[in-house]
PDB file of N, CA and C in Angstrom:
ATOM      1  N   MET A   1      47.732 -64.833 -64.847  1.00  0.00           N
ATOM      2  CA  MET A   1      49.180 -64.750 -65.377  1.00  0.00           C
ATOM      3  C   MET A   1      49.761 -62.878 -65.830  1.00  0.00           C
ATOM      4  N   LYS A   2      48.234 -62.688 -65.396  1.00  0.00           N
ATOM      5  CA  LYS A   2      48.090 -61.044 -65.933  1.00  0.00           C
ATOM      6  C   LYS A   2      48.796 -60.468 -65.105  1.00  0.00           C
ATOM      7  N   SER A   3      48.349 -60.915 -63.632  1.00  0.00           N
ATOM      8  CA  SER A   3      48.767 -59.805 -62.416  1.00  0.00           C
ATOM      9  C   SER A   3      50.427 -60.177 -62.243  1.00  0.00           C
ATOM     10  N   VAL A   4      50.985 -61.515 -62.599  1.00  0.00           N
ATOM     11  CA  VAL A   4      52.323 -61.635 -62.515  1.00  0.00           C
ATOM     12  C   VAL A   4      53.354 -61.105 -63.675  1.00  0.00           C
ATOM     13  N   ILE A   5      52.688 -60.267 -64.431  1.00  0.00           N
ATOM     14  CA  ILE A   5      53.178 -59.521 -65.436  1.00  0.00           C
ATOM     15  C   ILE A   5      53.290 -57.989 -65.231  1.00  0.00           C
ATOM     16  N   LEU A   6      52.053 -57.844 -64.532  1.00  0.00           N
ATOM     17  CA  LEU A   6      51.510 -56.505 -64.037  1.00  0.00           C
ATOM     18  C   LEU A   6      52.630 -56.149 -63.077  1.00  0.00           C
ATOM     19  N   ILE A   7      52.919 -57.126 -61.945  1.00  0.00           N
ATOM     20  CA  ILE A   7      53.538 -56.962 -60.969  1.00  0.00           C
ATOM     21  C   ILE A   7      55.149 -56.706 -61.256  1.00  0.00           C
ATOM     22  N   ALA A   8      55.217 -57.730 -62.415  1.00  0.00           N
ATOM     23  CA  ALA A   8      57.073 -57.640 -63.225  1.00  0.00           C
ATOM     24  C   ALA A   8      57.308 -56.101 -63.580  1.00  0.00           C
ATOM     25  N   ALA A   9      56.062 -56.045 -64.333  1.00  0.00           N
ATOM     26  CA  ALA A   9      55.713 -54.424 -65.078  1.00  0.00           C
ATOM     27  C   ALA A   9      56.354 -53.333 -63.936  1.00  0.00           C
ATOM     28  N   MET A  10      55.703 -53.321 -63.218  1.00  0.00           N
ATOM     29  CA  MET A  10      55.876 -52.278 -61.870  1.00  0.00           C
ATOM     30  C   MET A  10      57.039 -52.017 -61.408  1.00  0.00           C
ATOM     31  N   SER A  11      57.728 -53.727 -60.848  1.00  0.00           N
ATOM     32  CA  SER A  11      58.809 -53.665 -60.267  1.00  0.00           C
ATOM     33  C   SER A  11      60.158 -53.697 -61.399  1.00  0.00           C
ATOM     34  N   VAL A  12      59.925 -53.404 -62.621  1.00  0.00           N
ATOM     35  CA  VAL A  12      61.168 -53.057 -63.308  1.00  0.00           C
ATOM     36  C   VAL A  12      61.084 -51.825 -63.682  1.00  0.00           C
ATOM     37  N   THR A  13      59.974 -51.068 -63.689  1.00  0.00           N
ATOM     38  CA  THR A  13      59.888 -49.463 -63.690  1.00  0.00           C
ATOM     39  C   THR A  13      60.295 -49.039 -62.547  1.00  0.00           C
ATOM     40  N   THR A  14      60.160 -49.411 -61.490  1.00  0.00           N
ATOM     41  CA  THR A  14      60.317 -48.569 -60.173  1.00  0.00           C
ATOM     42  C   THR A  14      61.892 -48.735 -59.912  1.00  0.00           C
ATOM     43  N   ILE A  15      62.374 -49.957 -60.250  1.00  0.00           N
ATOM     44  CA  ILE A  15      63.849 -50.220 -60.013  1.00  0.00           C
ATOM     45  C   ILE A  15      64.445 -49.430 -61.343  1.00  0.00           C
ATOM     46  N   LEU A  16      63.987 -49.555 -62.311  1.00  0.00           N
ATOM     47  CA  LEU A  16      64.518 -48.090 -63.194  1.00  0.00           C
ATOM     48  C   LEU A  16      64.459 -47.046 -62.619  1.00  0.00           C
ATOM     49  N   LEU A  17      63.522 -46.766 -62.437  1.00  0.00           N
ATOM     50  CA  LEU A  17      63.659 -45.103 -61.973  1.00  0.00           C
ATOM     51  C   LEU A  17      64.122 -44.614 -60.719  1.00  0.00           C
ATOM     52  N   ARG A  18      64.578 -45.277 -59.977  1.00  0.00           N
ATOM     53  CA  ARG A  18      65.241 -45.201 -58.698  1.00  0.00           C
ATOM     54  C   ARG A  18      66.806 -45.344 -59.016  1.00  0.00           C
ATOM     55  N   GLY A  19      67.177 -46.604 -59.886  1.00  0.00           N
ATOM     56  CA  GLY A  19      68.375 -46.273 -60.612  1.00  0.00           C
ATOM     57  C   GLY A  19      68.892 -45.194 -61.412  1.00  0.00           C
ATOM     58  N   LEU A  20      67.993 -44.998 -62.369  1.00  0.00           N
ATOM     59  CA  LEU A  20      68.365 -44.276 -63.018  1.00  0.00           C
ATOM     60  C   LEU A  20      69.235 -42.812 -63.052  1.00  0.00           C
ATOM     61  N   PRO A  21      68.733 -42.350 -61.843  1.00  0.00           N
ATOM     62  CA  PRO A  21      69.952 -40.930 -61.308  1.00  0.00           C
ATOM     63  C   PRO A  21      71.343 -41.703 -61.388  1.00  0.00           C
ATOM     64  N   PHE A  22      71.619 -42.718 -60.481  1.00  0.00           N
ATOM     65  CA  PHE A  22      72.927 -43.244 -60.492  1.00  0.00           C
ATOM     66  C   PHE A  22      73.453 -43.635 -61.684  1.00  0.00           C
ATOM     67  N   ILE A  23      72.752 -44.093 -62.438  1.00  0.00           N
ATOM     68  CA  ILE A  23      73.490 -44.510 -63.878  1.00  0.00           C
ATOM     69  C   ILE A  23      73.895 -43.148 -64.809  1.00  0.00           C
ATOM     70  N   VAL A  24      72.656 -42.288 -64.675  1.00  0.00           N
ATOM     71  CA  VAL A  24      72.949 -40.595 -65.183  1.00  0.00           C
ATOM     72  C   VAL A  24      74.268 -40.202 -64.855  1.00  0.00           C
ATOM     73  N   PHE A  25      74.061 -40.164 -63.667  1.00  0.00           N
ATOM     74  CA  PHE A  25      75.088 -38.721 -63.221  1.00  0.00           C
ATOM     75  C   PHE A  25      76.251 -39.634 -62.841  1.00  0.00           C
ATOM     76  N   ARG A  26      76.903 -40.638 -63.120  1.00  0.00           N
ATOM     77  CA  ARG A  26      78.119 -41.313 -62.174  1.00  0.00           C
ATOM     78  C   ARG A  26      79.166 -40.616 -61.648  1.00  0.00           C
ATOM     79  N   SER A  27      79.719 -39.826 -62.643  1.00  0.00           N
ATOM     80  CA  SER A  27      80.325 -39.155 -62.417  1.00  0.00           C
ATOM     81  C   SER A  27      80.697 -38.185 -61.733  1.00  0.00           C
ATOM     82  N   LYS A  28      79.571 -36.956 -61.757  1.00  0.00           N
ATOM     83  CA  LYS A  28      79.569 -35.821 -60.695  1.00  0.00           C
ATOM     84  C   LYS A  28      77.943 -35.161 -61.086  1.00  0.00           C
ATOM     85  N   THR A  29      77.342 -35.125 -59.482  1.00  0.00           N
ATOM     86  CA  THR A  29      76.300 -34.678 -60.101  1.00  0.00           C
ATOM     87  C   THR A  29      76.240 -33.269 -60.233  1.00  0.00           C
ATOM     88  N   PRO A  30      75.408 -32.846 -61.432  1.00  0.00           N
ATOM     89  CA  PRO A  30      74.821 -31.311 -61.484  1.00  0.00           C
ATOM     90  C   PRO A  30      74.590 -30.364 -60.687  1.00  0.00           C
ATOM     91  N   LYS A  31      75.033 -29.078 -60.697  1.00  0.00           N
ATOM     92  CA  LYS A  31      74.791 -28.112 -59.512  1.00  0.00           C
ATOM     93  C   LYS A  31      73.408 -27.757 -59.622  1.00  0.00           C
ATOM     94  N   TYR A  32      72.616 -27.879 -60.404  1.00  0.00           N
ATOM     95  CA  TYR A  32      71.058 -27.828 -60.347  1.00  0.00           C
ATOM     96  C   TYR A  32      70.252 -29.138 -59.461  1.00  0.00           C
ATOM     97  N   ILE A  33      70.862 -30.537 -59.837  1.00  0.00           N
ATOM     98  CA  ILE A  33      70.256 -31.531 -58.858  1.00  0.00           C
ATOM     99  C   ILE A  33      70.636 -31.166 -57.234  1.00  0.00           C
ATOM    100  N   ALA A  34      71.926 -30.727 -57.318  1.00  0.00           N
ATOM    101  CA  ALA A  34      72.512 -30.610 -55.551  1.00  0.00           C
ATOM    102  C   ALA A  34      71.346 -29.242 -55.089  1.00  0.00           C
ATOM    103  N   TYR A  35      71.284 -28.465 -56.131  1.00  0.00           N
ATOM    104  CA  TYR A  35      70.657 -27.192 -55.304  1.00  0.00           C
ATOM    105  C   TYR A  35      69.044 -27.305 -55.212  1.00  0.00           C
ATOM    106  N   LEU A  36      68.463 -28.407 -55.924  1.00  0.00           N
ATOM    107  CA  LEU A  36      67.052 -29.250 -55.694  1.00  0.00           C
ATOM    108  C   LEU A  36      67.166 -30.145 -54.795  1.00  0.00           C
ATOM    109  N   GLY A  37      68.415 -30.699 -54.683  1.00  0.00           N
ATOM    110  CA  GLY A  37      68.128 -31.505 -53.315  1.00  0.00           C
ATOM    111  C   GLY A  37      68.407 -30.649 -51.938  1.00  0.00           C
ATOM    112  N   ARG A  38      68.795 -29.989 -51.693  1.00  0.00           N
ATOM    113  CA  ARG A  38      68.974 -28.785 -50.714  1.00  0.00           C
ATOM    114  C   ARG A  38      67.716 -28.427 -50.429  1.00  0.00           C
ATOM    115  N   MET A  39      66.944 -27.581 -51.536  1.00  0.00           N
ATOM    116  CA  MET A  39      65.591 -26.629 -51.262  1.00  0.00           C
ATOM    117  C   MET A  39      64.684 -27.377 -51.277  1.00  0.00           C
ATOM    118  N   LEU A  40      64.213 -28.414 -52.112  1.00  0.00           N
ATOM    119  CA  LEU A  40      63.140 -28.963 -51.771  1.00  0.00           C
ATOM    120  C   LEU A  40      62.931 -29.622 -50.865  1.00  0.00           C
ATOM    121  N   PRO A  41      63.274 -30.129 -49.608  1.00  0.00           N
ATOM    122  CA  PRO A  41      62.669 -30.720 -48.717  1.00  0.00           C
ATOM    123  C   PRO A  41      62.442 -29.502 -47.985  1.00  0.00           C
ATOM    124  N   PRO A  42      62.952 -28.649 -47.797  1.00  0.00           N
ATOM    125  CA  PRO A  42      62.253 -27.607 -46.647  1.00  0.00           C
ATOM    126  C   PRO A  42      61.020 -27.423 -47.595  1.00  0.00           C
ATOM    127  N   ALA A  43      61.013 -26.683 -48.628  1.00  0.00           N
ATOM    128  CA  ALA A  43      59.997 -26.348 -49.031  1.00  0.00           C
ATOM    129  C   ALA A  43      58.924 -27.036 -49.259  1.00  0.00           C
ATOM    130  N   ILE A  44      59.101 -28.204 -49.222  1.00  0.00           N
ATOM    131  CA  ILE A  44      58.081 -29.424 -49.131  1.00  0.00           C
ATOM    132  C   ILE A  44      57.353 -29.375 -48.160  1.00  0.00           C
ATOM    133  N   ILE A  45      58.302 -29.269 -46.600  1.00  0.00           N
ATOM    134  CA  ILE A  45      57.653 -29.101 -45.382  1.00  0.00           C
ATOM    135  C   ILE A  45      56.709 -27.782 -45.101  1.00  0.00           C
ATOM    136  N   GLY A  46      57.356 -26.861 -45.736  1.00  0.00           N
ATOM    137  CA  GLY A  46      56.324 -25.640 -45.693  1.00  0.00           C
ATOM    138  C   GLY A  46      55.234 -25.533 -46.562  1.00  0.00           C
ATOM    139  N   MET A  47      55.033 -26.195 -47.586  1.00  0.00           N
ATOM    140  CA  MET A  47      54.130 -26.661 -48.101  1.00  0.00           C
ATOM    141  C   MET A  47      52.954 -27.375 -47.875  1.00  0.00           C
ATOM    142  N   LEU A  48      53.512 -28.299 -46.859  1.00  0.00           N
ATOM    143  CA  LEU A  48      52.906 -29.035 -45.828  1.00  0.00           C
ATOM    144  C   LEU A  48      52.027 -28.303 -44.885  1.00  0.00           C
ATOM    145  N   VAL A  49      52.662 -27.383 -44.361  1.00  0.00           N
ATOM    146  CA  VAL A  49      52.110 -26.858 -43.131  1.00  0.00           C
ATOM    147  C   VAL A  49      51.289 -25.794 -43.629  1.00  0.00           C
ATOM    148  N   ILE A  50      51.032 -25.419 -44.545  1.00  0.00           N
ATOM    149  CA  ILE A  50      50.443 -24.470 -45.339  1.00  0.00           C
ATOM    150  C   ILE A  50      48.997 -25.565 -45.513  1.00  0.00           C
ATOM    151  N   TYR A  51      49.211 -26.123 -46.606  1.00  0.00           N
ATOM    152  CA  TYR A  51      47.844 -26.845 -46.481  1.00  0.00           C
ATOM    153  C   TYR A  51      47.479 -27.700 -45.036  1.00  0.00           C
ATOM    154  N   CYS A  52      47.922 -27.914 -44.346  1.00  0.00           N
ATOM    155  CA  CYS A  52      47.370 -28.550 -42.845  1.00  0.00           C
ATOM    156  C   CYS A  52      46.826 -27.201 -42.125  1.00  0.00           C
ATOM    157  N   LEU A  53      47.075 -26.174 -42.197  1.00  0.00           N
ATOM    158  CA  LEU A  53      46.512 -25.341 -42.066  1.00  0.00           C
ATOM    159  C   LEU A  53      45.480 -24.327 -42.452  1.00  0.00           C
ATOM    160  N   LYS A  54      45.408 -24.596 -43.565  1.00  0.00           N
ATOM    161  CA  LYS A  54      44.442 -23.863 -44.660  1.00  0.00           C
ATOM    162  C   LYS A  54      43.074 -23.550 -44.281  1.00  0.00           C
ATOM    163  N   ASP A  55      42.334 -25.000 -43.245  1.00  0.00           N
ATOM    164  CA  ASP A  55      41.135 -25.083 -43.241  1.00  0.00           C
ATOM    165  C   ASP A  55      40.655 -24.407 -41.483  1.00  0.00           C
ATOM    166  N   VAL A  56      41.802 -23.971 -40.938  1.00  0.00           N
ATOM    167  CA  VAL A  56      41.965 -23.499 -39.843  1.00  0.00           C
ATOM    168  C   VAL A  56      41.264 -22.069 -39.235  1.00  0.00           C
ATOM    169  N   THR A  57      40.239 -22.360 -38.574  1.00  0.00           N
ATOM    170  CA  THR A  57      39.217 -21.072 -38.466  1.00  0.00           C
ATOM    171  C   THR A  57      39.518 -20.128 -37.200  1.00  0.00           C
ATOM    172  N   LEU A  58      40.048 -19.066 -37.675  1.00  0.00           N
ATOM    173  CA  LEU A  58      40.585 -18.296 -36.208  1.00  0.00           C
ATOM    174  C   LEU A  58      39.347 -17.230 -35.350  1.00  0.00           C
ATOM    175  N   THR A  59      38.368 -17.434 -36.200  1.00  0.00           N
ATOM    176  CA  THR A  59      37.240 -16.632 -35.724  1.00  0.00           C
ATOM    177  C   THR A  59      35.870 -17.549 -35.162  1.00  0.00           C
ATOM    178  N   ALA A  60      36.251 -18.517 -35.046  1.00  0.00           N
ATOM    179  CA  ALA A  60      35.307 -19.612 -34.248  1.00  0.00           C
ATOM    180  C   ALA A  60      36.263 -20.484 -33.421  1.00  0.00           C
ATOM    181  N   ARG A  61      35.434 -21.124 -32.464  1.00  0.00           N
ATOM    182  CA  ARG A  61      35.820 -21.614 -31.831  1.00  0.00           C
ATOM    183  C   ARG A  61      36.343 -22.805 -31.902  1.00  0.00           C
ATOM    184  N   PRO A  62      37.678 -23.378 -31.679  1.00  0.00           N
ATOM    185  CA  PRO A  62      38.167 -23.435 -30.967  1.00  0.00           C
ATOM    186  C   PRO A  62      39.627 -22.288 -31.184  1.00  0.00           C
ATOM    187  N   PHE A  63      39.467 -22.019 -32.197  1.00  0.00           N
ATOM    188  CA  PHE A  63      40.326 -20.395 -32.761  1.00  0.00           C
ATOM    189  C   PHE A  63      41.687 -21.145 -32.989  1.00  0.00           C
ATOM    190  N   GLY A  64      41.808 -22.035 -33.651  1.00  0.00           N
ATOM    191  CA  GLY A  64      42.719 -22.717 -33.788  1.00  0.00           C
ATOM    192  C   GLY A  64      44.166 -23.125 -32.745  1.00  0.00           C
ATOM    193  N   LEU A  65      43.539 -23.280 -31.210  1.00  0.00           N
ATOM    194  CA  LEU A  65      43.959 -23.865 -30.369  1.00  0.00           C
ATOM    195  C   LEU A  65      45.023 -24.727 -30.398  1.00  0.00           C
ATOM    196  N   PRO A  66      44.230 -26.146 -31.042  1.00  0.00           N
ATOM    197  CA  PRO A  66      44.610 -27.567 -31.139  1.00  0.00           C
ATOM    198  C   PRO A  66      45.980 -27.422 -32.173  1.00  0.00           C
ATOM    199  N   GLU A  67      45.637 -26.703 -33.258  1.00  0.00           N
ATOM    200  CA  GLU A  67      46.963 -26.760 -34.422  1.00  0.00           C
ATOM    201  C   GLU A  67      47.893 -25.606 -33.823  1.00  0.00           C
ATOM    202  N   LEU A  68      47.967 -24.996 -33.077  1.00  0.00           N
ATOM    203  CA  LEU A  68      48.869 -24.266 -32.544  1.00  0.00           C
ATOM    204  C   LEU A  68      49.589 -25.236 -31.779  1.00  0.00           C
ATOM    205  N   ILE A  69      48.901 -25.585 -30.649  1.00  0.00           N
ATOM    206  CA  ILE A  69      49.922 -26.537 -29.589  1.00  0.00           C
ATOM    207  C   ILE A  69      50.099 -27.302 -29.966  1.00  0.00           C
ATOM    208  N   ALA A  70      49.573 -27.837 -31.093  1.00  0.00           N
ATOM    209  CA  ALA A  70      50.274 -29.180 -31.405  1.00  0.00           C
ATOM    210  C   ALA A  70      51.337 -28.296 -32.871  1.00  0.00           C
ATOM    211  N   GLY A  71      51.638 -27.945 -33.422  1.00  0.00           N
ATOM    212  CA  GLY A  71      52.906 -27.051 -34.047  1.00  0.00           C
ATOM    213  C   GLY A  71      53.868 -26.857 -33.196  1.00  0.00           C
ATOM    214  N   ALA A  72      53.254 -25.878 -32.338  1.00  0.00           N
ATOM    215  CA  ALA A  72      54.357 -25.804 -31.285  1.00  0.00           C
ATOM    216  C   ALA A  72      55.307 -27.071 -30.294  1.00  0.00           C
ATOM    217  N   CYS A  73      54.278 -27.877 -29.958  1.00  0.00           N
ATOM    218  CA  CYS A  73      54.766 -29.279 -29.666  1.00  0.00           C
ATOM    219  C   CYS A  73      55.765 -29.679 -30.835  1.00  0.00           C
ATOM    220  N   VAL A  74      55.747 -29.939 -32.276  1.00  0.00           N
ATOM    221  CA  VAL A  74      56.529 -30.316 -33.214  1.00  0.00           C
ATOM    222  C   VAL A  74      57.614 -29.533 -33.043  1.00  0.00           C
ATOM    223  N   VAL A  75      57.511 -28.332 -33.341  1.00  0.00           N
ATOM    224  CA  VAL A  75      58.993 -27.109 -32.904  1.00  0.00           C
ATOM    225  C   VAL A  75      60.050 -27.980 -31.604  1.00  0.00           C
ATOM    226  N   LEU A  76      59.334 -27.688 -30.238  1.00  0.00           N
ATOM    227  CA  LEU A  76      60.099 -27.823 -29.342  1.00  0.00           C
ATOM    228  C   LEU A  76      60.729 -28.845 -29.594  1.00  0.00           C
ATOM    229  N   VAL A  77      59.701 -30.472 -29.748  1.00  0.00           N
ATOM    230  CA  VAL A  77      60.334 -31.709 -29.522  1.00  0.00           C
ATOM    231  C   VAL A  77      61.341 -31.903 -31.063  1.00  0.00           C
ATOM    232  N   GLN A  78      61.398 -31.427 -32.540  1.00  0.00           N
ATOM    233  CA  GLN A  78      62.571 -31.253 -33.295  1.00  0.00           C
ATOM    234  C   GLN A  78      63.548 -30.853 -32.543  1.00  0.00           C
ATOM    235  N   ILE A  79      63.172 -29.508 -31.807  1.00  0.00           N
ATOM    236  CA  ILE A  79      64.580 -28.442 -31.502  1.00  0.00           C
ATOM    237  C   ILE A  79      65.307 -29.776 -30.137  1.00  0.00           C
ATOM    238  N   TRP A  80      64.744 -30.019 -29.153  1.00  0.00           N
ATOM    239  CA  TRP A  80      64.790 -31.311 -28.391  1.00  0.00           C
ATOM    240  C   TRP A  80      65.821 -32.515 -29.040  1.00  0.00           C
ATOM    241  N   LYS A  81      64.909 -33.378 -29.766  1.00  0.00           N
ATOM    242  CA  LYS A  81      65.196 -34.502 -30.261  1.00  0.00           C
ATOM    243  C   LYS A  81      65.811 -34.630 -31.704  1.00  0.00           C
ATOM    244  N   ARG A  82      66.131 -33.310 -32.406  1.00  0.00           N
ATOM    245  CA  ARG A  82      66.357 -33.580 -33.604  1.00  0.00           C
ATOM    246  C   ARG A  82      66.259 -34.894 -34.368  1.00  0.00           C
ATOM    247  N   SER A  83      64.545 -35.148 -34.242  1.00  0.00           N
ATOM    248  CA  SER A  83      64.317 -36.446 -35.082  1.00  0.00           C
ATOM    249  C   SER A  83      62.957 -35.889 -35.591  1.00  0.00           C
ATOM    250  N   SER A  84      63.011 -36.135 -37.034  1.00  0.00           N
ATOM    251  CA  SER A  84      61.363 -35.661 -37.708  1.00  0.00           C
ATOM    252  C   SER A  84      60.523 -36.704 -37.454  1.00  0.00           C
ATOM    253  N   LEU A  85      60.513 -38.343 -37.484  1.00  0.00           N
ATOM    254  CA  LEU A  85      59.728 -38.839 -37.015  1.00  0.00           C
ATOM    255  C   LEU A  85      59.066 -38.761 -35.667  1.00  0.00           C
ATOM    256  N   VAL A  86      60.086 -38.518 -34.905  1.00  0.00           N
ATOM    257  CA  VAL A  86      59.514 -38.202 -33.400  1.00  0.00           C
ATOM    258  C   VAL A  86      58.808 -36.924 -33.159  1.00  0.00           C
ATOM    259  N   SER A  87      58.961 -36.114 -33.687  1.00  0.00           N
ATOM    260  CA  SER A  87      58.494 -34.675 -33.706  1.00  0.00           C
ATOM    261  C   SER A  87      57.077 -34.639 -34.504  1.00  0.00           C
ATOM    262  N   ILE A  88      57.410 -35.552 -35.871  1.00  0.00           N
ATOM    263  CA  ILE A  88      55.719 -35.466 -36.237  1.00  0.00           C
ATOM    264  C   ILE A  88      54.728 -36.210 -35.394  1.00  0.00           C
ATOM    265  N   LEU A  89      55.367 -37.520 -35.129  1.00  0.00           N
ATOM    266  CA  LEU A  89      54.333 -38.221 -34.256  1.00  0.00           C
ATOM    267  C   LEU A  89      53.875 -37.804 -33.477  1.00  0.00           C
ATOM    268  N   SER A  90      54.747 -37.145 -32.178  1.00  0.00           N
ATOM    269  CA  SER A  90      54.595 -36.533 -31.132  1.00  0.00           C
ATOM    270  C   SER A  90      53.210 -35.358 -31.368  1.00  0.00           C
ATOM    271  N   GLY A  91      53.528 -34.343 -32.293  1.00  0.00           N
ATOM    272  CA  GLY A  91      52.565 -33.492 -32.764  1.00  0.00           C
ATOM    273  C   GLY A  91      51.525 -33.880 -33.107  1.00  0.00           C
ATOM    274  N   THR A  92      51.325 -35.371 -33.797  1.00  0.00           N
ATOM    275  CA  THR A  92      49.811 -36.033 -34.421  1.00  0.00           C
ATOM    276  C   THR A  92      48.979 -36.106 -32.920  1.00  0.00           C
ATOM    277  N   VAL A  93      50.067 -37.097 -32.217  1.00  0.00           N
ATOM    278  CA  VAL A  93      49.025 -37.387 -31.000  1.00  0.00           C
ATOM    279  C   VAL A  93      48.498 -36.445 -30.206  1.00  0.00           C
ATOM    280  N   ILE A  94      49.206 -35.884 -30.057  1.00  0.00           N
ATOM    281  CA  ILE A  94      48.965 -34.085 -29.198  1.00  0.00           C
ATOM    282  C   ILE A  94      48.236 -33.732 -29.915  1.00  0.00           C
ATOM    283  N   TYR A  95      47.604 -33.271 -31.259  1.00  0.00           N
ATOM    284  CA  TYR A  95      46.596 -32.698 -31.895  1.00  0.00           C
ATOM    285  C   TYR A  95      45.619 -33.614 -31.691  1.00  0.00           C
ATOM    286  N   MET A  96      45.553 -35.221 -31.842  1.00  0.00           N
ATOM    287  CA  MET A  96      44.528 -35.923 -31.643  1.00  0.00           C
ATOM    288  C   MET A  96      43.940 -35.713 -30.522  1.00  0.00           C
ATOM    289  N   VAL A  97      44.794 -35.866 -29.490  1.00  0.00           N
ATOM    290  CA  VAL A  97      43.753 -36.256 -28.249  1.00  0.00           C
ATOM    291  C   VAL A  97      43.103 -34.429 -27.679  1.00  0.00           C
ATOM    292  N   LEU A  98      44.007 -33.368 -28.244  1.00  0.00           N
ATOM    293  CA  LEU A  98      43.076 -32.432 -27.766  1.00  0.00           C
ATOM    294  C   LEU A  98      41.655 -31.943 -28.501  1.00  0.00           C
ATOM    295  N   VAL A  99      42.017 -32.764 -30.202  1.00  0.00           N
ATOM    296  CA  VAL A  99      40.664 -32.501 -30.820  1.00  0.00           C
ATOM    297  C   VAL A  99      39.881 -33.441 -30.403  1.00  0.00           C
ATOM    298  N   GLN A 100      39.788 -34.677 -29.807  1.00  0.00           N
ATOM    299  CA  GLN A 100      39.324 -35.625 -29.737  1.00  0.00           C
ATOM    300  C   GLN A 100      38.216 -35.546 -27.740  1.00  0.00           C
ATOM    301  N   ALA A 101      39.663 -35.244 -27.454  1.00  0.00           N
ATOM    302  CA  ALA A 101      39.321 -35.242 -25.732  1.00  0.00           C
ATOM    303  C   ALA A 101      39.135 -33.565 -25.004  1.00  0.00           C
ATOM    304  N   VAL A 102      39.995 -32.480 -25.916  1.00  0.00           N
ATOM    305  CA  VAL A 102      39.827 -31.320 -24.753  1.00  0.00           C
ATOM    306  C   VAL A 102      38.896 -30.411 -25.486  1.00  0.00           C
ATOM    307  N   PHE A 103      39.385 -30.174 -26.821  1.00  0.00           N
ATOM    308  CA  PHE A 103      38.161 -29.071 -27.238  1.00  0.00           C
ATOM    309  C   PHE A 103      37.147 -29.808 -28.099  1.00  0.00           C
TER     310      PHE A 103
END
């Protein structure tokens, strides 16, 4: 019974949190929310790139080559296909192949 109550409470909370912005901003979205909607996605991607590359050692073998090659692959596939999912997936696969089989 505790599990059912816990799941119900989490479900209601999730629904409220996802629906609350639509209830609060029915008429018009404030300018600062629209600004955040435009600026946060690139900022978050930038933070993720920095986080992923923070432990790369440029002075020791393999000198960051797997990361550089996989990153270039992500950029090129993104330009070519315009699909974030495909570009990130291809970069991840290429990075794992490079790390496991090449370097």
